[in-house]
C-alpha atoms as a PDB file:
ATOM      1  CA  MET A   1      -7.450  15.184  12.314  1.00  0.00           C
ATOM      2  CA  TYR A   2      -9.698  12.288  13.145  1.00  0.00           C
ATOM      3  CA  THR A   3     -11.601  12.786  16.409  1.00  0.00           C
ATOM      4  CA  ASN A   4     -13.392   9.436  16.664  1.00  0.00           C
ATOM      5  CA  GLN A   5     -12.157   5.887  16.439  1.00  0.00           C
ATOM      6  CA  ARG A   6     -12.805   4.298  13.057  1.00  0.00           C
ATOM      7  CA  THR A   7     -13.291   0.959  11.376  1.00  0.00           C
ATOM      8  CA  LEU A   8     -14.504  -0.291   7.986  1.00  0.00           C
ATOM      9  CA  LYS A   9     -18.181  -0.324   7.075  1.00  0.00           C
ATOM     10  CA  ARG A  10     -18.016  -3.944   5.942  1.00  0.00           C
ATOM     11  CA  LYS A  11     -15.684  -6.863   5.369  1.00  0.00           C
ATOM     12  CA  VAL A  12     -13.353  -6.831   2.355  1.00  0.00           C
ATOM     13  CA  GLU A  13     -11.100  -9.397   0.701  1.00  0.00           C
ATOM     14  CA  ILE A  14      -7.810  -8.340  -0.883  1.00  0.00           C
ATOM     15  CA  LYS A  15      -5.668 -10.719  -2.922  1.00  0.00           C
ATOM     16  CA  GLY A  16      -2.175 -10.259  -4.273  1.00  0.00           C
ATOM     17  CA  ILE A  17       1.421 -11.432  -4.474  1.00  0.00           C
ATOM     18  CA  GLY A  18       3.849 -11.211  -1.578  1.00  0.00           C
ATOM     19  CA  LEU A  19       6.894  -9.118  -2.500  1.00  0.00           C
ATOM     20  CA  HIS A  20       9.421 -11.390  -0.820  1.00  0.00           C
ATOM     21  CA  SER A  21       7.608 -14.740  -0.703  1.00  0.00           C
ATOM     22  CA  GLY A  22       6.215 -14.599  -4.243  1.00  0.00           C
ATOM     23  CA  GLU A  23       3.113 -16.439  -3.035  1.00  0.00           C
ATOM     24  CA  LEU A  24      -0.491 -15.505  -3.744  1.00  0.00           C
ATOM     25  CA  VAL A  25      -2.017 -14.266  -0.501  1.00  0.00           C
ATOM     26  CA  SER A  26      -5.556 -13.424   0.547  1.00  0.00           C
ATOM     27  CA  LEU A  27      -6.484 -10.894   3.238  1.00  0.00           C
ATOM     28  CA  ASN A  28      -9.960 -10.839   4.774  1.00  0.00           C
ATOM     29  CA  ILE A  29     -10.268  -7.573   6.674  1.00  0.00           C
ATOM     30  CA  GLU A  30     -13.201  -7.271   9.087  1.00  0.00           C
ATOM     31  CA  PRO A  31     -14.675  -4.286  10.942  1.00  0.00           C
ATOM     32  CA  MET A  32     -14.113  -4.433  14.701  1.00  0.00           C
ATOM     33  CA  PRO A  33     -15.539  -2.497  17.657  1.00  0.00           C
ATOM     34  CA  ALA A  34     -13.793   0.402  19.369  1.00  0.00           C
ATOM     35  CA  ASN A  35     -10.682  -0.268  21.456  1.00  0.00           C
ATOM     36  CA  THR A  36      -9.967  -3.550  19.636  1.00  0.00           C
ATOM     37  CA  GLY A  37      -6.932  -2.230  17.783  1.00  0.00           C
ATOM     38  CA  ILE A  38      -5.406  -3.717  14.640  1.00  0.00           C
ATOM     39  CA  ILE A  39      -5.074  -7.488  14.870  1.00  0.00           C
ATOM     40  CA  PHE A  40      -3.800 -10.018  12.354  1.00  0.00           C
ATOM     41  CA  GLU A  41      -5.050 -13.597  12.420  1.00  0.00           C
ATOM     42  CA  LYS A  42      -3.143 -16.502  10.869  1.00  0.00           C
ATOM     43  CA  ASN A  43      -4.073 -20.160  11.328  1.00  0.00           C
ATOM     44  CA  ASN A  44      -6.413 -19.148  14.186  1.00  0.00           C
ATOM     45  CA  VAL A  45      -3.565 -17.391  16.028  1.00  0.00           C
ATOM     46  CA  LEU A  46      -4.096 -13.698  16.831  1.00  0.00           C
ATOM     47  CA  ILE A  47      -1.103 -11.419  16.269  1.00  0.00           C
ATOM     48  CA  PRO A  48      -1.690  -7.839  17.486  1.00  0.00           C
ATOM     49  CA  ALA A  49      -0.017  -5.186  15.354  1.00  0.00           C
ATOM     50  CA  LYS A  50       2.028  -3.969  18.319  1.00  0.00           C
ATOM     51  CA  VAL A  51       5.767  -3.462  18.621  1.00  0.00           C
ATOM     52  CA  GLU A  52       6.111  -6.201  21.229  1.00  0.00           C
ATOM     53  CA  PHE A  53       5.195  -8.695  18.492  1.00  0.00           C
ATOM     54  CA  ALA A  54       7.626  -7.238  15.928  1.00  0.00           C
ATOM     55  CA  LYS A  55      10.341  -9.855  15.461  1.00  0.00           C
ATOM     56  CA  SER A  56      12.073  -9.388  12.101  1.00  0.00           C
ATOM     57  CA  PHE A  57      13.178  -6.393  10.042  1.00  0.00           C
ATOM     58  CA  GLU A  58      15.005  -7.699   6.949  1.00  0.00           C
ATOM     59  CA  PHE A  59      13.789  -5.367   4.179  1.00  0.00           C
ATOM     60  CA  SER A  60      10.326  -5.318   5.798  1.00  0.00           C
ATOM     61  CA  THR A  61       8.582  -5.434   9.165  1.00  0.00           C
ATOM     62  CA  SER A  62       7.235  -8.735  10.459  1.00  0.00           C
ATOM     63  CA  ILE A  63       5.137  -9.598  13.502  1.00  0.00           C
ATOM     64  CA  GLU A  64       4.932 -12.991  15.181  1.00  0.00           C
ATOM     65  CA  ASN A  65       3.003 -14.799  17.894  1.00  0.00           C
ATOM     66  CA  LYS A  66       2.999 -18.461  18.954  1.00  0.00           C
ATOM     67  CA  GLY A  67       5.116 -19.456  15.972  1.00  0.00           C
ATOM     68  CA  GLU A  68       2.893 -17.745  13.393  1.00  0.00           C
ATOM     69  CA  LYS A  69       4.534 -14.918  11.442  1.00  0.00           C
ATOM     70  CA  VAL A  70       3.220 -12.217   9.093  1.00  0.00           C
ATOM     71  CA  GLN A  71       5.737 -10.314   6.970  1.00  0.00           C
ATOM     72  CA  THR A  72       5.730  -6.926   5.200  1.00  0.00           C
ATOM     73  CA  ILE A  73       2.921  -5.275   7.165  1.00  0.00           C
ATOM     74  CA  GLU A  74       4.219  -1.693   6.913  1.00  0.00           C
ATOM     75  CA  HIS A  75       2.327  -0.479   3.807  1.00  0.00           C
ATOM     76  CA  LEU A  76      -1.010  -1.796   5.071  1.00  0.00           C
ATOM     77  CA  MET A  77      -0.293  -0.278   8.491  1.00  0.00           C
ATOM     78  CA  ALA A  78       0.505   3.065   6.849  1.00  0.00           C
ATOM     79  CA  ALA A  79      -2.768   2.942   4.894  1.00  0.00           C
ATOM     80  CA  LEU A  80      -4.729   2.298   8.103  1.00  0.00           C
ATOM     81  CA  TYR A  81      -2.893   5.120   9.866  1.00  0.00           C
ATOM     82  CA  LEU A  82      -3.439   7.606   7.052  1.00  0.00           C
ATOM     83  CA  LEU A  83      -7.181   6.888   7.004  1.00  0.00           C
ATOM     84  CA  GLY A  84      -7.453   7.006  10.788  1.00  0.00           C
ATOM     85  CA  ILE A  85      -8.577   3.372  11.049  1.00  0.00           C
ATOM     86  CA  ASP A  86      -7.984   1.987  14.545  1.00  0.00           C
ATOM     87  CA  ASN A  87      -9.966  -1.235  14.709  1.00  0.00           C
ATOM     88  CA  VAL A  88      -9.857  -4.137  12.233  1.00  0.00           C
ATOM     89  CA  LYS A  89      -9.076  -7.839  12.188  1.00  0.00           C
ATOM     90  CA  ILE A  90      -6.945  -9.001   9.239  1.00  0.00           C
ATOM     91  CA  LYS A  91      -7.169 -12.711   8.483  1.00  0.00           C
ATOM     92  CA  ILE A  92      -4.278 -13.726   6.249  1.00  0.00           C
ATOM     93  CA  SER A  93      -3.936 -16.952   4.245  1.00  0.00           C
ATOM     94  CA  GLY A  94      -0.166 -16.837   3.790  1.00  0.00           C
ATOM     95  CA  SER A  95       3.019 -15.511   5.314  1.00  0.00           C
ATOM     96  CA  GLU A  96       3.124 -12.024   3.803  1.00  0.00           C
ATOM     97  CA  VAL A  97       0.804  -9.076   3.191  1.00  0.00           C
ATOM     98  CA  PRO A  98       0.282  -8.572  -0.575  1.00  0.00           C
ATOM     99  CA  ILE A  99       2.523  -5.897  -2.023  1.00  0.00           C
ATOM    100  CA  LEU A 100      -0.107  -4.657  -4.556  1.00  0.00           C
ATOM    101  CA  ASP A 101       1.537  -1.685  -6.323  1.00  0.00           C
ATOM    102  CA  GLY A 102       4.349  -1.320  -3.764  1.00  0.00           C
ATOM    103  CA  SER A 103       2.782   1.602  -1.903  1.00  0.00           C
ATOM    104  CA  ALA A 104      -0.221   2.286   0.350  1.00  0.00           C
ATOM    105  CA  LYS A 105      -2.338   3.704  -2.483  1.00  0.00           C
ATOM    106  CA  GLU A 106      -4.251   0.589  -3.519  1.00  0.00           C
ATOM    107  CA  PHE A 107      -5.085  -0.322   0.089  1.00  0.00           C
ATOM    108  CA  ILE A 108      -6.456   3.194   0.592  1.00  0.00           C
ATOM    109  CA  ASP A 109      -8.434   3.089  -2.660  1.00  0.00           C
ATOM    110  CA  ILE A 110     -10.069  -0.201  -1.619  1.00  0.00           C
ATOM    111  CA  PHE A 111     -10.902   1.037   1.880  1.00  0.00           C
ATOM    112  CA  LYS A 112     -12.501   4.184   0.505  1.00  0.00           C
ATOM    113  CA  ILE A 113     -14.695   2.125  -1.843  1.00  0.00           C
ATOM    114  CA  ILE A 114     -15.741  -0.181   1.026  1.00  0.00           C
ATOM    115  CA  GLY A 115     -16.378   2.804   3.265  1.00  0.00           C
ATOM    116  CA  ILE A 116     -15.078   3.876   6.650  1.00  0.00           C
ATOM    117  CA  LYS A 117     -17.267   4.021   9.744  1.00  0.00           C
ATOM    118  CA  ASN A 118     -16.854   6.514  12.573  1.00  0.00           C
ATOM    119  CA  LEU A 119     -17.387   4.879  15.957  1.00  0.00           C
ATOM    120  CA  PRO A 120     -18.924   6.736  18.932  1.00  0.00           C
ATOM    121  CA  GLU A 121     -15.793   6.338  21.052  1.00  0.00           C
ATOM    122  CA  GLU A 122     -13.188   9.089  21.047  1.00  0.00           C
ATOM    123  CA  LYS A 123      -9.784   8.599  19.447  1.00  0.00           C
ATOM    124  CA  PHE A 124      -6.635   8.888  21.565  1.00  0.00           C
ATOM    125  CA  TYR A 125      -3.295  10.273  20.417  1.00  0.00           C
ATOM    126  CA  ALA A 126       0.160   9.512  21.826  1.00  0.00           C
ATOM    127  CA  VAL A 127       1.543  12.980  22.525  1.00  0.00           C
ATOM    128  CA  ILE A 128       5.334  13.015  22.913  1.00  0.00           C
ATOM    129  CA  THR A 129       6.241  14.788  26.146  1.00  0.00           C
ATOM    130  CA  GLU A 130      10.049  14.590  26.149  1.00  0.00           C
ATOM    131  CA  ASP A 131      12.919  14.229  23.699  1.00  0.00           C
ATOM    132  CA  ILE A 132      13.545  10.721  22.352  1.00  0.00           C
ATOM    133  CA  ASN A 133      16.674   9.523  20.558  1.00  0.00           C
ATOM    134  CA  VAL A 134      17.656   6.156  19.128  1.00  0.00           C
ATOM    135  CA  LYS A 135      20.782   5.459  17.094  1.00  0.00           C
ATOM    136  CA  ASP A 136      22.340   2.679  15.013  1.00  0.00           C
ATOM    137  CA  LYS A 137      25.834   3.593  13.797  1.00  0.00           C
ATOM    138  CA  ASP A 138      25.353   6.693  11.610  1.00  0.00           C
ATOM    139  CA  LYS A 139      21.573   6.282  11.468  1.00  0.00           C
ATOM    140  CA  PHE A 140      19.262   7.852  14.005  1.00  0.00           C
ATOM    141  CA  ILE A 141      15.717   8.868  14.829  1.00  0.00           C
ATOM    142  CA  LYS A 142      15.031  11.753  17.164  1.00  0.00           C
ATOM    143  CA  ALA A 143      11.765  13.265  18.322  1.00  0.00           C
ATOM    144  CA  THR A 144      10.733  16.348  20.226  1.00  0.00           C
ATOM    145  CA  PRO A 145       7.387  17.521  21.605  1.00  0.00           C
ATOM    146  CA  SER A 146       5.185  19.392  19.130  1.00  0.00           C
ATOM    147  CA  ASN A 147       1.602  20.637  18.916  1.00  0.00           C
ATOM    148  CA  GLU A 148       1.089  18.619  15.748  1.00  0.00           C
ATOM    149  CA  PRO A 149       2.539  15.479  14.153  1.00  0.00           C
ATOM    150  CA  ILE A 150       5.481  16.190  11.859  1.00  0.00           C
ATOM    151  CA  PHE A 151       7.317  13.296  10.240  1.00  0.00           C
ATOM    152  CA  THR A 152      10.582  13.945   8.384  1.00  0.00           C
ATOM    153  CA  TYR A 153      12.857  11.506   6.594  1.00  0.00           C
ATOM    154  CA  GLU A 154      16.311  12.290   5.250  1.00  0.00           C
ATOM    155  CA  ALA A 155      17.856   9.859   2.749  1.00  0.00           C
ATOM    156  CA  VAL A 156      21.543   9.919   1.833  1.00  0.00           C
ATOM    157  CA  TYR A 157      22.723   7.992  -1.234  1.00  0.00           C
ATOM    158  CA  ASP A 158      25.885   8.266  -3.283  1.00  0.00           C
ATOM    159  CA  LYS A 159      23.820   7.501  -6.368  1.00  0.00           C
ATOM    160  CA  LYS A 160      22.806  10.586  -8.325  1.00  0.00           C
ATOM    161  CA  VAL A 161      19.418   9.191  -9.244  1.00  0.00           C
ATOM    162  CA  ILE A 162      18.380   9.541  -5.582  1.00  0.00           C
ATOM    163  CA  GLY A 163      21.084  11.636  -3.957  1.00  0.00           C
ATOM    164  CA  ASN A 164      20.476  13.400  -0.657  1.00  0.00           C
ATOM    165  CA  ARG A 165      16.784  14.087  -0.096  1.00  0.00           C
ATOM    166  CA  LYS A 166      14.631  15.238   2.769  1.00  0.00           C
ATOM    167  CA  PHE A 167      10.846  15.189   2.956  1.00  0.00           C
ATOM    168  CA  SER A 168       8.411  16.240   5.702  1.00  0.00           C
ATOM    169  CA  PHE A 169       4.758  15.335   6.124  1.00  0.00           C
ATOM    170  CA  LYS A 170       2.207  16.910   8.479  1.00  0.00           C
ATOM    171  CA  PRO A 171      -0.849  14.630   8.723  1.00  0.00           C
ATOM    172  CA  PHE A 172      -3.078  17.266  10.359  1.00  0.00           C
ATOM    173  CA  SER A 173      -2.632  19.744   7.506  1.00  0.00           C
ATOM    174  CA  GLN A 174      -1.546  17.736   4.432  1.00  0.00           C
ATOM    175  CA  THR A 175      -3.489  15.199   2.434  1.00  0.00           C
ATOM    176  CA  TYR A 176      -2.280  11.609   2.629  1.00  0.00           C
ATOM    177  CA  GLN A 177      -1.736  11.635  -1.145  1.00  0.00           C
ATOM    178  CA  ALA A 178       1.602  13.324  -0.417  1.00  0.00           C
ATOM    179  CA  VAL A 179       3.008   9.960   0.695  1.00  0.00           C
ATOM    180  CA  SER A 180       0.524   7.137   0.040  1.00  0.00           C
ATOM    181  CA  PRO A 181       1.403   6.525  -3.678  1.00  0.00           C
ATOM    182  CA  ALA A 182       5.175   6.369  -3.086  1.00  0.00           C
ATOM    183  CA  ARG A 183       6.412   2.896  -4.061  1.00  0.00           C
ATOM    184  CA  THR A 184       9.082   0.664  -2.635  1.00  0.00           C
ATOM    185  CA  TYR A 185      12.325   0.609  -4.625  1.00  0.00           C
ATOM    186  CA  CYS A 186      15.590  -1.209  -5.110  1.00  0.00           C
ATOM    187  CA  PHE A 187      18.762  -1.039  -7.179  1.00  0.00           C
ATOM    188  CA  PHE A 188      19.197  -3.431 -10.088  1.00  0.00           C
ATOM    189  CA  GLU A 189      22.518  -4.681  -8.756  1.00  0.00           C
ATOM    190  CA  GLU A 190      20.836  -5.716  -5.463  1.00  0.00           C
ATOM    191  CA  ILE A 191      18.316  -8.080  -7.063  1.00  0.00           C
ATOM    192  CA  ASP A 192      20.532 -11.173  -7.229  1.00  0.00           C
ATOM    193  CA  PHE A 193      21.636 -10.634  -3.617  1.00  0.00           C
ATOM    194  CA  LEU A 194      18.035 -10.315  -2.435  1.00  0.00           C
ATOM    195  CA  LYS A 195      17.013 -13.482  -4.256  1.00  0.00           C
ATOM    196  CA  GLN A 196      19.970 -15.385  -2.793  1.00  0.00           C
ATOM    197  CA  MET A 197      18.584 -14.392   0.625  1.00  0.00           C
ATOM    198  CA  GLY A 198      15.200 -15.808  -0.366  1.00  0.00           C
ATOM    199  CA  LEU A 199      13.710 -12.329  -0.770  1.00  0.00           C
ATOM    200  CA  ALA A 200      12.077 -10.367  -3.598  1.00  0.00           C
ATOM    201  CA  LYS A 201      10.627 -13.509  -5.209  1.00  0.00           C
ATOM    202  CA  GLY A 202       7.475 -11.561  -6.111  1.00  0.00           C
ATOM    203  CA  GLY A 203       9.200  -8.326  -7.089  1.00  0.00           C
ATOM    204  CA  SER A 204       8.579  -6.764 -10.501  1.00  0.00           C
ATOM    205  CA  LEU A 205       8.278  -3.402 -12.203  1.00  0.00           C
ATOM    206  CA  GLU A 206       4.567  -3.621 -11.340  1.00  0.00           C
ATOM    207  CA  ASN A 207       5.227  -3.310  -7.619  1.00  0.00           C
ATOM    208  CA  ALA A 208       8.623  -1.646  -7.198  1.00  0.00           C
ATOM    209  CA  VAL A 209      10.733   1.118  -8.663  1.00  0.00           C
ATOM    210  CA  VAL A 210      14.030  -0.271  -9.953  1.00  0.00           C
ATOM    211  CA  PHE A 211      17.079   1.944 -10.452  1.00  0.00           C
ATOM    212  CA  LYS A 212      19.990   0.909 -12.659  1.00  0.00           C
ATOM    213  CA  GLU A 213      22.840   3.382 -12.283  1.00  0.00           C
ATOM    214  CA  ASP A 214      21.181   6.709 -13.165  1.00  0.00           C
ATOM    215  CA  GLU A 215      18.299   5.126 -15.068  1.00  0.00           C
ATOM    216  CA  ILE A 216      14.762   4.336 -13.893  1.00  0.00           C
ATOM    217  CA  LEU A 217      13.728   0.992 -15.433  1.00  0.00           C
ATOM    218  CA  ASN A 218       9.987   1.496 -14.891  1.00  0.00           C
ATOM    219  CA  PRO A 219       8.460   2.719 -18.182  1.00  0.00           C
ATOM    220  CA  GLU A 220       6.142   5.156 -16.390  1.00  0.00           C
ATOM    221  CA  GLY A 221       8.986   6.750 -14.425  1.00  0.00           C
ATOM    222  CA  LEU A 222       8.546   8.124 -10.922  1.00  0.00           C
ATOM    223  CA  ARG A 223       5.308   9.269  -9.308  1.00  0.00           C
ATOM    224  CA  PHE A 224       7.229  12.001  -7.476  1.00  0.00           C
ATOM    225  CA  GLU A 225      10.668  13.417  -8.207  1.00  0.00           C
ATOM    226  CA  ASP A 226      11.627  12.341  -4.677  1.00  0.00           C
ATOM    227  CA  GLU A 227       9.541   9.144  -4.578  1.00  0.00           C
ATOM    228  CA  PRO A 228      12.176   7.027  -2.753  1.00  0.00           C
ATOM    229  CA  VAL A 229      12.439   9.343   0.246  1.00  0.00           C
ATOM    230  CA  ARG A 230       8.650   9.666   0.389  1.00  0.00           C
ATOM    231  CA  HIS A 231       8.418   5.893   0.445  1.00  0.00           C
ATOM    232  CA  LYS A 232      10.890   5.691   3.320  1.00  0.00           C
ATOM    233  CA  LEU A 233       8.683   8.144   5.181  1.00  0.00           C
ATOM    234  CA  LEU A 234       5.646   5.973   4.380  1.00  0.00           C
ATOM    235  CA  ASP A 235       7.482   2.991   5.904  1.00  0.00           C
ATOM    236  CA  LEU A 236       8.275   5.090   8.961  1.00  0.00           C
ATOM    237  CA  ILE A 237       4.611   5.996   9.428  1.00  0.00           C
ATOM    238  CA  GLY A 238       3.503   2.372   9.077  1.00  0.00           C
ATOM    239  CA  ASP A 239       6.097   1.156  11.561  1.00  0.00           C
ATOM    240  CA  LEU A 240       5.334   3.892  14.099  1.00  0.00           C
ATOM    241  CA  TYR A 241       1.703   2.739  14.121  1.00  0.00           C
ATOM    242  CA  LEU A 242       3.001  -0.340  15.971  1.00  0.00           C
ATOM    243  CA  LEU A 243       2.666   1.861  19.043  1.00  0.00           C
ATOM    244  CA  GLY A 244      -1.084   1.303  18.701  1.00  0.00           C
ATOM    245  CA  TYR A 245      -1.862   5.021  18.606  1.00  0.00           C
ATOM    246  CA  PRO A 246      -1.100   7.869  16.195  1.00  0.00           C
ATOM    247  CA  ILE A 247       1.801   9.993  17.405  1.00  0.00           C
ATOM    248  CA  VAL A 248       1.769  13.745  17.958  1.00  0.00           C
ATOM    249  CA  GLY A 249       5.332  15.053  17.937  1.00  0.00           C
ATOM    250  CA  ASN A 250       8.167  16.105  15.655  1.00  0.00           C
ATOM    251  CA  VAL A 251       9.838  12.875  14.485  1.00  0.00           C
ATOM    252  CA  TYR A 252      12.995  13.088  12.361  1.00  0.00           C
ATOM    253  CA  SER A 253      14.602  10.010  10.820  1.00  0.00           C
ATOM    254  CA  TYR A 254      18.085  10.148   9.316  1.00  0.00           C
ATOM    255  CA  LYS A 255      18.682   7.073   7.131  1.00  0.00           C
ATOM    256  CA  GLY A 256      16.448   5.021   9.410  1.00  0.00           C
ATOM    257  CA  GLY A 257      14.891   1.684   8.495  1.00  0.00           C
ATOM    258  CA  HIS A 258      12.474  -0.884   9.909  1.00  0.00           C
ATOM    259  CA  PHE A 259      14.751  -2.009  12.749  1.00  0.00           C
ATOM    260  CA  LEU A 260      15.380   1.543  13.928  1.00  0.00           C
ATOM    261  CA  ASN A 261      11.697   2.461  13.564  1.00  0.00           C
ATOM    262  CA  ALA A 262      10.722  -0.353  15.927  1.00  0.00           C
ATOM    263  CA  ALA A 263      13.555   0.577  18.296  1.00  0.00           C
ATOM    264  CA  PHE A 264      12.153   4.108  18.432  1.00  0.00           C
ATOM    265  CA  VAL A 265       8.673   2.857  19.356  1.00  0.00           C
ATOM    266  CA  ARG A 266      10.166   0.625  22.046  1.00  0.00           C
ATOM    267  CA  LYS A 267      12.134   3.589  23.414  1.00  0.00           C
ATOM    268  CA  MET A 268       8.918   5.650  23.571  1.00  0.00           C
ATOM    269  CA  ILE A 269       7.301   2.951  25.677  1.00  0.00           C
ATOM    270  CA  GLU A 270      10.292   2.124  27.879  1.00  0.00           C
ATOM    271  CA  SER A 271      11.059   5.766  28.680  1.00  0.00           C
ATOM    272  CA  ASN A 272       7.397   6.647  29.190  1.00  0.00           C
ATOM    273  CA  ALA A 273       8.009   9.601  26.877  1.00  0.00           C
ATOM    274  CA  TYR A 274       4.411  10.137  25.806  1.00  0.00           C
ATOM    275  CA  THR A 275       0.933  10.716  27.223  1.00  0.00           C
ATOM    276  CA  LEU A 276      -2.328   9.450  25.759  1.00  0.00           C
ATOM    277  CA  ILE A 277      -4.597  12.418  25.103  1.00  0.00           C
ATOM    278  CA  PRO A 278      -8.194  12.265  23.785  1.00  0.00           C
ATOM    279  CA  ALA A 279      -8.743  14.120  20.526  1.00  0.00           C
ATOM    280  CA  SER A 280     -11.011  16.662  22.229  1.00  0.00           C
ATOM    281  CA  GLU A 281      -8.121  17.844  24.398  1.00  0.00           C
ATOM    282  CA  LEU A 282      -5.590  18.405  21.623  1.00  0.00           C
ATOM    283  CA  PRO A 283      -4.854  22.007  20.573  1.00  0.00           C
ATOM    284  CA  ALA A 284      -7.752  23.753  18.845  1.00  0.00           C
ATOM    285  CA  PHE A 285      -5.854  24.259  15.582  1.00  0.00           C
ATOM    286  CA  ALA A 286      -5.603  20.496  15.209  1.00  0.00           C
ATOM    287  CA  ARG A 287      -9.378  20.163  15.327  1.00  0.00           C
ATOM    288  CA  ASN A 288      -9.958  22.439  12.346  1.00  0.00           C
ATOM    289  CA  ASP A 289     -11.859  19.945  10.206  1.00  0.00           C
ATOM    290  CA  GLU A 290     -11.696  22.198   7.134  1.00  0.00           C
ATOM    291  CA  ARG A 291      -7.963  21.479   6.859  1.00  0.00           C
ATOM    292  CA  ILE A 292      -8.465  17.727   6.836  1.00  0.00           C
ATOM    293  CA  VAL A 293      -9.356  15.705   3.754  1.00  0.00           C
ATOM    294  CA  LYS A 294     -12.738  14.082   4.294  1.00  0.00           C
ATOM    295  CA  VAL A 295     -12.904  10.325   3.711  1.00  0.00           C
ATOM    296  CA  ALA A 296     -16.142   8.744   2.561  1.00  0.00           C
END
């Protein structure tokens, strides 16, 4: 568990292709002082990475302010969450965050090389205090109070190559490597449909897992046997960080996606179902630094 707010030690530039736009994009990510939060900047317009600015959820999460939009922020947001980074400004040259390898791994690798700085100010956690439920047809997300964060995703597919899978992740006691390398994925028969919608223009076997019937088209295969469900959980984590604080509670998503993830965060806020607690006041077991992977 991270007890202090964090930022980067220095500025870093990241370049890459947007998954859906296909355009080359540059990110300039700057350290920021405590209590700034995570803020995107596009064409001199600031777009806070908060759920109230989340406007679109077609195969990704987008945020928008004053007519300026940034798409596919979820993997970068997950990387920041998993490293406990609270305060950065992200200047973006295009419309979409680079997809890199399709997971959060390369963002994390870059941030670790640049270095992460602990700030003097204490970190706050959003501790869920009452049950929360959101639903969309047969999909739902529910959460209950817990002494530690537990995120679970259950995927249900009629395709054997994925099938029915469930995966849980406990950030206070598991290393982020359990979810950070899990890549985005699609089915071969969906590609034409996505491109007709103007999506997936930058997609390739370098940044996505592609399934064709029961075959994996990527020569290297899967990084985990259950990589798709781990990736869905990674998306969930990135989207939940739109609350602005890491969540402490037992969150269970059944077939959820970006729209439902944002709806859950909105429900948390609207129902006042959480309390902000400083790290020093969380249960003692959560402050056992020996259980937490140290980040340089």
